N, C-alpha and C. Protein backbone atom coordinates (compact mmCIF):
# COMPACT_ATOMS: atom_id res chain seq x y z
N SER A 1 -7.86 -5.14 45.21
CA SER A 1 -8.79 -4.63 44.48
C SER A 1 -8.19 -3.59 43.44
N ASP A 2 -7.50 -2.69 44.04
CA ASP A 2 -6.90 -1.73 43.20
C ASP A 2 -6.01 -2.44 42.36
N VAL A 3 -5.23 -3.27 42.60
CA VAL A 3 -4.19 -3.92 41.94
C VAL A 3 -5.01 -4.72 40.80
N CYS A 4 -6.05 -5.47 41.04
CA CYS A 4 -6.98 -6.25 40.08
C CYS A 4 -7.37 -5.21 39.01
N SER A 5 -8.01 -4.08 39.49
CA SER A 5 -8.53 -3.04 38.64
C SER A 5 -7.36 -2.60 37.70
N SER A 6 -6.20 -2.27 38.21
CA SER A 6 -5.18 -1.80 37.41
C SER A 6 -4.69 -2.98 36.44
N ASP A 7 -4.58 -4.26 36.77
CA ASP A 7 -4.13 -5.22 35.96
C ASP A 7 -5.24 -5.30 34.98
N LEU A 8 -6.49 -5.20 35.01
CA LEU A 8 -7.50 -5.36 34.28
C LEU A 8 -7.43 -4.23 33.19
N GLU A 9 -7.14 -3.06 33.45
CA GLU A 9 -6.93 -1.94 32.74
C GLU A 9 -5.86 -2.12 31.59
N ASN A 10 -4.76 -2.58 32.34
CA ASN A 10 -3.44 -2.85 31.44
C ASN A 10 -3.81 -3.95 30.41
N VAL A 11 -4.41 -4.81 30.83
CA VAL A 11 -4.74 -6.09 30.10
C VAL A 11 -5.64 -5.62 28.76
N MET A 12 -6.61 -4.72 29.18
CA MET A 12 -7.63 -4.24 28.28
C MET A 12 -6.91 -3.24 27.19
N LEU A 13 -5.74 -2.60 27.77
CA LEU A 13 -4.91 -1.97 26.63
C LEU A 13 -4.29 -2.81 25.66
N VAL A 14 -3.81 -3.91 26.24
CA VAL A 14 -3.20 -4.93 25.08
C VAL A 14 -4.28 -5.48 24.16
N VAL A 15 -5.41 -5.74 24.65
CA VAL A 15 -6.63 -6.28 23.84
C VAL A 15 -7.10 -5.09 22.89
N THR A 16 -6.94 -3.88 23.18
CA THR A 16 -7.27 -2.69 22.33
C THR A 16 -6.33 -2.70 21.30
N ASP A 17 -5.09 -2.55 21.83
CA ASP A 17 -3.94 -2.50 20.74
C ASP A 17 -4.00 -3.74 19.68
N TYR A 18 -4.35 -4.97 19.99
CA TYR A 18 -4.16 -6.15 19.29
C TYR A 18 -5.64 -5.84 18.32
N ASN A 19 -6.62 -5.46 18.76
CA ASN A 19 -7.93 -5.56 18.17
C ASN A 19 -7.80 -4.42 16.96
N GLN A 20 -7.12 -3.43 17.25
CA GLN A 20 -7.00 -2.18 16.49
C GLN A 20 -6.21 -2.75 15.25
N ILE A 21 -5.10 -3.55 15.41
CA ILE A 21 -4.35 -4.23 14.34
C ILE A 21 -5.27 -4.97 13.51
N LEU A 22 -6.10 -5.86 13.96
CA LEU A 22 -6.93 -6.73 13.21
C LEU A 22 -8.09 -5.69 12.49
N ASP A 23 -8.42 -4.78 13.19
CA ASP A 23 -9.52 -3.83 12.41
C ASP A 23 -9.02 -3.28 11.13
N HIS A 24 -7.66 -2.84 11.27
CA HIS A 24 -7.15 -2.33 10.15
C HIS A 24 -6.83 -3.20 8.98
N LEU A 25 -6.83 -4.53 9.16
CA LEU A 25 -6.46 -5.40 8.15
C LEU A 25 -7.61 -6.03 7.53
N ASN A 26 -7.76 -6.14 6.11
CA ASN A 26 -8.87 -6.89 5.60
C ASN A 26 -8.37 -8.29 5.35
N GLY A 27 -9.16 -9.31 4.84
CA GLY A 27 -9.01 -10.62 4.88
C GLY A 27 -7.69 -11.02 4.20
N GLU A 28 -7.41 -10.45 3.07
CA GLU A 28 -6.27 -10.69 2.32
C GLU A 28 -5.05 -10.26 3.05
N GLU A 29 -5.19 -9.05 3.64
CA GLU A 29 -4.00 -8.34 4.42
C GLU A 29 -3.78 -9.26 5.66
N GLN A 30 -4.75 -9.84 6.35
CA GLN A 30 -4.56 -10.80 7.43
C GLN A 30 -3.63 -11.86 6.91
N LEU A 31 -3.97 -12.37 5.95
CA LEU A 31 -3.12 -13.30 5.32
C LEU A 31 -1.52 -12.99 5.13
N LEU A 32 -1.38 -11.83 4.61
CA LEU A 32 -0.37 -11.30 4.49
C LEU A 32 0.56 -11.07 5.74
N PHE A 33 -0.11 -10.65 6.70
CA PHE A 33 0.53 -10.49 7.88
C PHE A 33 0.33 -11.63 8.95
N ARG A 34 0.04 -12.89 8.51
CA ARG A 34 -0.16 -13.97 9.16
C ARG A 34 1.10 -14.28 10.20
N GLU A 35 2.10 -14.12 9.72
CA GLU A 35 3.20 -14.50 10.62
C GLU A 35 3.49 -13.43 11.84
N GLN A 36 3.28 -12.25 11.57
CA GLN A 36 3.33 -11.21 12.39
C GLN A 36 2.21 -11.43 13.57
N LEU A 37 1.12 -11.60 13.07
CA LEU A 37 -0.10 -12.09 13.89
C LEU A 37 0.12 -13.16 14.77
N ARG A 38 0.95 -14.31 14.29
CA ARG A 38 1.01 -15.48 15.07
C ARG A 38 2.09 -15.24 16.11
N ARG A 39 3.11 -14.42 15.68
CA ARG A 39 4.11 -14.12 16.63
C ARG A 39 3.49 -13.27 17.80
N LEU A 40 2.66 -12.25 17.37
CA LEU A 40 1.85 -11.57 18.51
C LEU A 40 0.89 -12.50 19.37
N ASP A 41 0.30 -13.37 18.72
CA ASP A 41 -0.38 -14.32 19.47
C ASP A 41 0.20 -15.15 20.43
N ARG A 42 1.51 -15.60 20.05
CA ARG A 42 2.37 -16.49 21.12
C ARG A 42 2.53 -15.47 22.31
N ARG A 43 2.98 -14.11 21.99
CA ARG A 43 3.38 -13.25 23.06
C ARG A 43 2.12 -13.10 23.96
N VAL A 44 0.92 -12.84 23.50
CA VAL A 44 -0.17 -12.63 24.15
C VAL A 44 -0.47 -13.79 24.93
N ASN A 45 -0.65 -14.95 24.36
CA ASN A 45 -1.07 -16.24 25.02
C ASN A 45 0.11 -16.63 26.14
N ALA A 46 1.20 -16.26 26.04
CA ALA A 46 2.27 -16.49 27.13
C ALA A 46 1.60 -15.78 28.34
N GLY A 47 1.11 -14.54 28.23
CA GLY A 47 0.70 -13.93 29.47
C GLY A 47 -0.65 -14.51 29.99
N LEU A 48 -1.38 -15.10 29.05
CA LEU A 48 -2.71 -15.85 29.44
C LEU A 48 -2.41 -17.20 30.00
N ASN A 49 -1.44 -17.84 29.59
CA ASN A 49 -1.41 -19.24 29.98
C ASN A 49 -0.27 -19.61 31.04
N ARG A 50 0.84 -18.96 30.76
CA ARG A 50 1.94 -19.19 31.68
C ARG A 50 2.41 -18.55 32.91
N PHE A 51 2.00 -17.06 32.83
CA PHE A 51 2.23 -16.27 34.06
C PHE A 51 1.34 -16.45 35.12
N THR A 52 1.77 -16.27 36.44
CA THR A 52 0.87 -16.33 37.78
C THR A 52 0.71 -14.89 37.75
N TRP A 53 -0.48 -14.38 37.64
CA TRP A 53 -0.93 -13.09 37.79
C TRP A 53 -0.70 -12.51 39.21
N ALA A 54 -0.62 -13.44 40.15
CA ALA A 54 -0.37 -12.90 41.68
C ALA A 54 1.13 -12.46 41.90
N SER A 55 1.95 -12.86 40.80
CA SER A 55 3.52 -12.46 40.97
C SER A 55 3.53 -10.95 40.65
N LYS A 56 4.41 -10.36 41.74
CA LYS A 56 4.62 -8.83 41.50
C LYS A 56 5.37 -8.57 40.27
N GLY A 57 4.70 -7.60 39.53
CA GLY A 57 5.65 -7.11 38.39
C GLY A 57 5.30 -7.83 37.14
N VAL A 58 4.91 -8.99 37.15
CA VAL A 58 4.62 -9.72 36.00
C VAL A 58 3.66 -8.90 35.10
N THR A 59 2.49 -8.56 35.72
CA THR A 59 1.64 -7.89 34.62
C THR A 59 2.18 -6.73 33.88
N ASP A 60 2.86 -5.84 34.65
CA ASP A 60 3.64 -4.64 33.95
C ASP A 60 4.46 -5.08 33.03
N VAL A 61 5.49 -6.12 33.33
CA VAL A 61 6.29 -6.79 32.15
C VAL A 61 5.52 -7.34 31.07
N PHE A 62 4.51 -7.97 31.31
CA PHE A 62 3.78 -8.74 30.22
C PHE A 62 3.05 -7.43 29.40
N VAL A 63 2.39 -6.41 30.04
CA VAL A 63 1.69 -5.66 29.34
C VAL A 63 2.71 -4.81 28.50
N LYS A 64 3.89 -4.26 29.25
CA LYS A 64 4.74 -3.64 28.29
C LYS A 64 5.41 -4.32 27.15
N ASP A 65 5.72 -5.59 27.26
CA ASP A 65 6.13 -6.31 26.38
C ASP A 65 5.15 -6.38 25.04
N CYS A 66 3.88 -6.84 25.43
CA CYS A 66 2.77 -6.98 24.48
C CYS A 66 2.46 -5.70 23.68
N ARG A 67 2.59 -4.71 24.53
CA ARG A 67 2.10 -3.32 23.91
C ARG A 67 3.26 -2.91 22.97
N LYS A 68 4.59 -3.25 23.32
CA LYS A 68 5.59 -2.86 22.33
C LYS A 68 5.60 -3.53 21.13
N HIS A 69 5.13 -5.04 21.12
CA HIS A 69 5.13 -5.95 19.95
C HIS A 69 3.70 -5.40 19.10
N CYS A 70 2.79 -4.92 19.92
CA CYS A 70 1.60 -4.44 19.00
C CYS A 70 1.78 -3.13 18.45
N ASN A 71 2.54 -2.29 19.15
CA ASN A 71 2.93 -1.02 18.45
C ASN A 71 3.74 -1.27 17.27
N GLU A 72 4.76 -2.31 17.31
CA GLU A 72 5.46 -2.46 16.08
C GLU A 72 4.63 -3.08 15.11
N ALA A 73 3.68 -4.08 15.23
CA ALA A 73 2.89 -4.62 14.33
C ALA A 73 2.17 -3.53 13.54
N ASN A 74 1.46 -2.82 14.58
CA ASN A 74 0.69 -1.63 14.17
C ASN A 74 1.27 -0.64 13.10
N ARG A 75 2.65 -0.43 13.56
CA ARG A 75 3.43 0.53 12.66
C ARG A 75 3.71 -0.04 11.40
N LEU A 76 3.95 -1.42 11.46
CA LEU A 76 4.17 -2.05 9.95
C LEU A 76 2.78 -2.23 9.20
N VAL A 77 1.61 -2.26 9.75
CA VAL A 77 0.46 -2.35 9.09
C VAL A 77 0.22 -0.89 8.43
N THR A 78 0.45 0.22 9.36
CA THR A 78 0.19 1.34 8.90
C THR A 78 1.14 1.76 7.68
N LEU A 79 2.39 1.44 7.85
CA LEU A 79 3.39 1.56 6.85
C LEU A 79 2.95 0.93 5.46
N PHE A 80 2.39 -0.30 5.64
CA PHE A 80 1.84 -1.00 4.37
C PHE A 80 0.78 -0.33 3.83
N HIS A 81 -0.17 0.24 4.63
CA HIS A 81 -1.20 0.97 4.09
C HIS A 81 -0.84 2.23 3.60
N HIS A 82 0.12 2.89 3.83
CA HIS A 82 0.55 4.07 3.46
C HIS A 82 1.18 3.81 2.19
N ASN A 83 1.98 2.73 2.04
CA ASN A 83 2.87 2.48 0.78
C ASN A 83 1.65 2.11 -0.18
N LYS A 84 0.72 1.28 0.00
CA LYS A 84 -0.45 0.75 -0.66
C LYS A 84 -1.09 2.15 -1.31
N ALA A 85 -1.30 3.16 -0.52
CA ALA A 85 -2.10 4.17 -1.07
C ALA A 85 -1.12 5.18 -1.81
N LEU A 86 0.10 5.09 -1.62
CA LEU A 86 1.08 5.86 -2.46
C LEU A 86 1.10 5.09 -3.75
N LEU A 87 1.14 3.70 -4.03
CA LEU A 87 1.08 2.98 -5.05
C LEU A 87 -0.17 3.34 -6.05
N ALA A 88 -1.46 3.36 -5.36
CA ALA A 88 -2.72 3.82 -5.86
C ALA A 88 -2.58 5.07 -6.50
N LYS A 89 -1.89 6.02 -5.77
CA LYS A 89 -1.81 7.46 -6.18
C LYS A 89 -1.05 7.56 -7.47
N MET A 90 0.12 6.60 -7.58
CA MET A 90 0.90 6.62 -8.58
C MET A 90 0.21 6.02 -9.95
N CYS A 91 -0.76 5.07 -9.73
CA CYS A 91 -1.39 4.45 -10.74
C CYS A 91 -2.50 5.61 -11.25
N ARG A 92 -3.06 6.32 -10.33
CA ARG A 92 -3.81 7.53 -10.87
C ARG A 92 -3.15 8.50 -11.73
N GLN A 93 -1.73 8.61 -11.11
CA GLN A 93 -0.94 9.64 -11.86
C GLN A 93 -0.66 9.09 -13.31
N VAL A 94 -0.51 7.95 -13.41
CA VAL A 94 -0.26 7.35 -14.71
C VAL A 94 -1.50 7.38 -15.67
N ALA A 95 -2.70 7.09 -15.15
CA ALA A 95 -3.93 7.03 -15.88
C ALA A 95 -4.13 8.49 -16.35
N SER A 96 -3.81 9.63 -15.57
CA SER A 96 -4.22 10.79 -15.86
C SER A 96 -3.07 11.38 -16.80
N THR A 97 -2.07 10.93 -17.29
CA THR A 97 -0.89 11.34 -18.04
C THR A 97 -1.46 11.39 -19.40
N PRO A 98 -1.70 12.45 -20.21
CA PRO A 98 -2.06 12.44 -21.53
C PRO A 98 -0.91 12.06 -22.49
N LEU A 99 -1.15 11.19 -23.38
CA LEU A 99 -0.13 10.52 -24.20
C LEU A 99 0.08 11.43 -25.39
N VAL A 100 -0.97 12.41 -25.65
CA VAL A 100 -0.93 13.24 -26.86
C VAL A 100 -1.19 14.52 -26.28
N SER A 101 -0.46 15.67 -26.92
CA SER A 101 -0.59 16.99 -26.65
C SER A 101 -1.26 17.61 -27.50
N LEU A 102 -2.48 18.17 -27.39
CA LEU A 102 -3.21 18.91 -28.15
C LEU A 102 -3.79 20.26 -27.72
N LYS A 103 -3.51 21.30 -28.25
CA LYS A 103 -4.08 22.65 -27.72
C LYS A 103 -5.18 22.93 -28.41
N LYS A 104 -6.18 23.61 -27.60
CA LYS A 104 -7.56 23.92 -28.21
C LYS A 104 -7.49 24.88 -29.14
N LYS A 105 -8.39 24.63 -30.29
CA LYS A 105 -8.54 25.70 -31.19
C LYS A 105 -7.28 26.00 -32.17
N GLN A 106 -6.61 24.95 -32.19
CA GLN A 106 -5.35 25.06 -33.03
C GLN A 106 -5.22 23.87 -33.95
N VAL A 107 -4.90 24.36 -35.35
CA VAL A 107 -4.90 23.47 -36.46
C VAL A 107 -3.38 23.41 -36.61
N TYR A 108 -2.92 22.15 -36.68
CA TYR A 108 -1.60 21.76 -36.83
C TYR A 108 -1.07 21.41 -38.18
N PRO A 109 0.06 22.19 -38.56
CA PRO A 109 0.45 21.51 -39.86
C PRO A 109 1.18 20.36 -39.36
N GLN A 110 1.44 19.44 -40.26
CA GLN A 110 1.92 18.13 -40.11
C GLN A 110 3.38 18.15 -39.23
N ASP A 111 4.35 18.84 -39.82
CA ASP A 111 5.69 18.84 -39.20
C ASP A 111 5.50 19.52 -37.81
N LEU A 112 4.79 20.51 -37.52
CA LEU A 112 4.54 21.10 -36.30
C LEU A 112 3.91 20.00 -35.22
N PHE A 113 3.03 19.39 -35.92
CA PHE A 113 2.28 18.37 -35.12
C PHE A 113 3.29 17.28 -34.55
N GLU A 114 3.88 16.67 -35.47
CA GLU A 114 4.94 15.80 -35.24
C GLU A 114 6.15 15.97 -34.17
N SER A 115 6.52 17.22 -34.34
CA SER A 115 7.56 17.89 -33.57
C SER A 115 6.86 17.88 -32.11
N GLU A 116 5.86 18.43 -31.98
CA GLU A 116 5.15 18.74 -30.58
C GLU A 116 4.96 17.48 -29.97
N GLN A 117 4.36 16.57 -30.82
CA GLN A 117 4.21 15.16 -30.30
C GLN A 117 5.60 14.27 -29.76
N LYS A 118 6.44 14.64 -30.75
CA LYS A 118 7.90 14.04 -30.25
C LYS A 118 8.34 14.50 -28.95
N ASN A 119 8.32 15.91 -28.75
CA ASN A 119 8.71 16.38 -27.51
C ASN A 119 7.90 16.07 -26.36
N HIS A 120 6.54 15.85 -26.53
CA HIS A 120 5.60 15.49 -25.56
C HIS A 120 5.94 13.96 -25.22
N HIS A 121 6.17 13.11 -26.22
CA HIS A 121 6.30 11.77 -25.91
C HIS A 121 7.62 11.52 -24.92
N GLU A 122 8.50 12.35 -25.16
CA GLU A 122 9.79 12.22 -24.40
C GLU A 122 9.59 12.78 -23.00
N MET A 123 8.72 13.71 -22.69
CA MET A 123 8.42 14.15 -21.38
C MET A 123 7.57 13.10 -20.80
N VAL A 124 6.75 12.61 -21.41
CA VAL A 124 5.72 11.51 -20.78
C VAL A 124 6.55 10.29 -20.54
N ARG A 125 7.63 9.94 -21.40
CA ARG A 125 8.51 8.68 -21.16
C ARG A 125 9.11 8.89 -20.01
N GLY A 126 9.74 10.14 -19.77
CA GLY A 126 10.48 10.52 -18.69
C GLY A 126 9.64 10.35 -17.31
N LYS A 127 8.36 10.94 -17.33
CA LYS A 127 7.47 11.09 -16.33
C LYS A 127 7.15 9.40 -15.83
N LEU A 128 6.88 8.70 -17.07
CA LEU A 128 6.41 7.35 -16.72
C LEU A 128 7.71 6.44 -16.03
N LYS A 129 8.77 6.75 -16.65
CA LYS A 129 9.95 6.03 -16.17
C LYS A 129 10.03 6.36 -14.60
N GLN A 130 9.88 7.71 -14.36
CA GLN A 130 10.15 8.16 -13.03
C GLN A 130 9.19 7.45 -12.06
N VAL A 131 7.91 7.31 -12.55
CA VAL A 131 6.84 6.72 -11.68
C VAL A 131 7.25 5.17 -11.52
N HIS A 132 7.53 4.55 -12.55
CA HIS A 132 7.97 3.15 -12.56
C HIS A 132 9.12 2.96 -11.43
N VAL A 133 9.93 3.67 -11.55
CA VAL A 133 11.27 3.68 -10.45
C VAL A 133 10.62 3.84 -9.08
N SER A 134 9.93 4.77 -9.04
CA SER A 134 9.35 5.15 -7.56
C SER A 134 8.54 4.06 -7.11
N MET A 135 7.70 3.38 -8.08
CA MET A 135 6.90 2.13 -7.69
C MET A 135 7.63 1.03 -7.45
N ARG A 136 8.68 0.59 -8.16
CA ARG A 136 9.63 -0.41 -7.88
C ARG A 136 10.22 -0.38 -6.47
N ASP A 137 10.80 0.88 -6.34
CA ASP A 137 11.42 1.22 -5.00
C ASP A 137 10.51 0.89 -3.88
N LEU A 138 9.19 1.50 -4.06
CA LEU A 138 8.34 1.40 -2.84
C LEU A 138 8.02 -0.08 -2.68
N MET A 139 7.76 -0.91 -3.72
CA MET A 139 7.56 -2.26 -3.61
C MET A 139 8.66 -3.11 -2.98
N ARG A 140 9.97 -2.70 -3.24
CA ARG A 140 11.07 -3.28 -2.56
C ARG A 140 10.99 -3.04 -1.25
N THR A 141 10.71 -1.77 -0.91
CA THR A 141 10.57 -1.41 0.57
C THR A 141 9.64 -2.12 1.38
N THR A 142 8.40 -2.03 0.71
CA THR A 142 7.29 -2.80 1.34
C THR A 142 7.42 -4.37 1.52
N HIS A 143 8.27 -4.94 0.32
CA HIS A 143 8.55 -6.38 0.64
C HIS A 143 9.40 -6.74 1.74
N GLU A 144 10.19 -5.80 2.36
CA GLU A 144 11.09 -6.12 3.39
C GLU A 144 10.33 -6.54 4.61
N THR A 145 9.07 -6.15 4.63
CA THR A 145 8.22 -6.60 5.76
C THR A 145 8.03 -8.05 5.66
N PHE A 146 7.88 -8.61 4.56
CA PHE A 146 7.48 -10.11 4.30
C PHE A 146 8.61 -10.98 3.72
N ARG A 147 9.70 -10.31 3.56
CA ARG A 147 10.84 -11.07 2.79
C ARG A 147 11.34 -12.29 3.50
N SER A 148 11.42 -12.32 4.72
CA SER A 148 11.85 -13.57 5.27
C SER A 148 10.79 -14.46 5.95
N GLU A 149 9.45 -14.29 5.39
CA GLU A 149 8.38 -15.12 5.98
C GLU A 149 8.17 -16.51 5.00
N VAL A 150 7.22 -17.17 5.77
CA VAL A 150 6.82 -18.45 5.15
C VAL A 150 6.44 -18.51 3.81
N ASP A 151 6.35 -19.73 3.21
CA ASP A 151 5.83 -19.70 1.75
C ASP A 151 4.38 -19.13 1.68
N GLU A 152 3.55 -19.46 2.60
CA GLU A 152 2.15 -19.07 2.47
C GLU A 152 1.96 -17.58 2.27
N VAL A 153 3.05 -16.88 3.27
CA VAL A 153 2.91 -15.32 3.02
C VAL A 153 3.51 -14.92 1.76
N GLN A 154 4.57 -15.61 1.36
CA GLN A 154 5.18 -15.34 0.06
C GLN A 154 3.96 -15.47 -1.14
N ARG A 155 3.22 -16.43 -1.13
CA ARG A 155 2.10 -16.55 -2.01
C ARG A 155 1.12 -15.44 -2.06
N GLU A 156 0.86 -14.97 -0.78
CA GLU A 156 0.02 -13.74 -0.46
C GLU A 156 0.76 -12.54 -0.85
N TRP A 157 1.86 -12.47 -0.93
CA TRP A 157 2.77 -11.19 -1.37
C TRP A 157 2.75 -11.21 -2.87
N ALA A 158 2.88 -12.41 -3.69
CA ALA A 158 2.86 -12.45 -4.99
C ALA A 158 1.56 -12.08 -5.37
N ALA A 159 0.47 -12.47 -4.71
CA ALA A 159 -0.98 -11.95 -5.35
C ALA A 159 -1.16 -10.41 -4.98
N PHE A 160 -0.50 -9.97 -3.83
CA PHE A 160 -0.73 -8.49 -3.77
C PHE A 160 0.25 -7.94 -4.83
N VAL A 161 1.33 -8.18 -5.42
CA VAL A 161 2.06 -7.90 -6.50
C VAL A 161 1.18 -7.98 -7.71
N ALA A 162 0.49 -8.99 -7.75
CA ALA A 162 -0.23 -9.27 -9.00
C ALA A 162 -1.31 -8.15 -9.03
N SER A 163 -1.81 -7.89 -7.89
CA SER A 163 -3.01 -6.72 -7.94
C SER A 163 -2.41 -5.42 -8.17
N ILE A 164 -1.22 -4.94 -7.81
CA ILE A 164 -0.59 -3.79 -8.05
C ILE A 164 -0.39 -3.82 -9.60
N ASP A 165 0.15 -5.04 -10.12
CA ASP A 165 0.35 -5.05 -11.67
C ASP A 165 -0.95 -4.76 -12.44
N ARG A 166 -2.00 -5.37 -11.95
CA ARG A 166 -3.38 -5.15 -12.64
C ARG A 166 -3.75 -3.52 -12.49
N GLY A 167 -3.43 -2.91 -11.46
CA GLY A 167 -3.65 -1.71 -11.33
C GLY A 167 -2.88 -0.81 -12.29
N VAL A 168 -1.69 -1.15 -12.51
CA VAL A 168 -0.78 -0.45 -13.37
C VAL A 168 -1.33 -0.62 -14.92
N GLU A 169 -1.65 -1.88 -15.20
CA GLU A 169 -2.20 -2.29 -16.37
C GLU A 169 -3.51 -1.36 -16.68
N ASP A 170 -4.39 -1.40 -15.70
CA ASP A 170 -5.61 -0.57 -15.83
C ASP A 170 -5.29 0.84 -16.17
N ALA A 171 -4.26 1.47 -15.26
CA ALA A 171 -3.98 2.80 -15.49
C ALA A 171 -3.37 3.15 -16.94
N LEU A 172 -2.72 2.31 -17.46
CA LEU A 172 -2.07 2.50 -18.83
C LEU A 172 -3.10 2.33 -19.73
N ARG A 173 -4.09 1.40 -19.62
CA ARG A 173 -5.30 1.21 -20.51
C ARG A 173 -6.10 2.59 -20.42
N THR A 174 -6.35 3.02 -19.26
CA THR A 174 -7.24 4.41 -19.01
C THR A 174 -6.30 5.50 -19.67
N THR A 175 -5.04 5.57 -19.77
CA THR A 175 -4.48 6.89 -20.41
C THR A 175 -4.47 6.55 -21.95
N VAL A 176 -4.44 5.57 -22.42
CA VAL A 176 -4.31 5.32 -23.81
C VAL A 176 -5.71 5.65 -24.25
N LYS A 177 -6.75 5.01 -23.77
CA LYS A 177 -8.12 5.41 -23.87
C LYS A 177 -8.43 6.81 -23.99
N ARG A 178 -8.05 7.49 -23.07
CA ARG A 178 -8.16 8.90 -22.82
C ARG A 178 -7.66 9.63 -23.92
N SER A 179 -6.40 9.27 -24.17
CA SER A 179 -5.54 9.98 -25.11
C SER A 179 -6.08 9.70 -26.58
N GLU A 180 -6.71 8.72 -26.98
CA GLU A 180 -7.23 8.35 -28.03
C GLU A 180 -8.52 9.09 -28.17
N GLU A 181 -9.32 9.25 -27.34
CA GLU A 181 -10.56 9.94 -27.27
C GLU A 181 -10.16 11.34 -27.55
N ARG A 182 -9.13 11.88 -26.82
CA ARG A 182 -8.75 13.19 -27.13
C ARG A 182 -8.29 13.59 -28.40
N ARG A 183 -7.55 12.72 -28.99
CA ARG A 183 -7.09 12.91 -30.35
C ARG A 183 -8.19 12.85 -31.25
N VAL A 184 -9.14 11.83 -31.19
CA VAL A 184 -10.19 11.64 -32.18
C VAL A 184 -11.08 13.00 -31.97
N GLY A 185 -11.48 13.32 -30.76
CA GLY A 185 -12.33 14.53 -30.59
C GLY A 185 -11.76 15.69 -31.35
N LYS A 186 -10.26 15.85 -31.19
CA LYS A 186 -9.57 16.96 -31.76
C LYS A 186 -9.82 16.89 -33.40
N GLU A 187 -9.51 15.69 -33.76
CA GLU A 187 -9.66 15.54 -35.38
C GLU A 187 -10.90 16.02 -35.94
N CYS A 188 -12.11 15.50 -35.13
CA CYS A 188 -13.62 15.91 -35.54
C CYS A 188 -13.72 17.12 -35.48
N ARG A 189 -13.41 17.85 -34.35
CA ARG A 189 -13.57 19.40 -34.25
C ARG A 189 -12.98 20.02 -35.22
N SER A 190 -11.63 19.69 -35.67
CA SER A 190 -10.81 20.53 -36.66
C SER A 190 -11.59 20.16 -38.22
N ARG A 191 -12.26 19.10 -38.44
CA ARG A 191 -12.79 19.03 -39.78
C ARG A 191 -14.11 19.87 -39.94
N TRP A 192 -14.75 20.31 -38.75
CA TRP A 192 -15.88 21.04 -38.91
C TRP A 192 -15.57 22.35 -38.88
């Protein structure tokens, strides 16, 4: 009775670990992690279909093995979400980067305006290059999880990359729009 109760508790730990992974993945992410989930399914199914639960020590070995692989899969999912959040943060950083430098209540002579804008553009260019390199490196690191997976997963990876590209495009459009609004607003205020 105590052995059965202990076995049940251990199996429930595996179920909880497995469900936690699934709960953290949306539909698209489940497709991206398809192969990791299949490998995990094979491990779990081995314990459900092949092992004789009456054998001593089988439950402990099964549970330890499954939990180890669940923890590894959960680590990959957590890392993926962390990297995805960092990529979103970098997109917000791009969107909030002003392309024009204007000081309040200052009328610029043409040569001073051009000089300040040239310096500001160099600073912005450096910042955007730095963000680009960081995003590229983060995407390469994230891709390592999926690099050797099947074609279906590679298609999902390509879709994920396309969504990040759209996020970068949106961020660039936003910063251009905000900078233009700021510049036009400054011109209007200086005329009055």
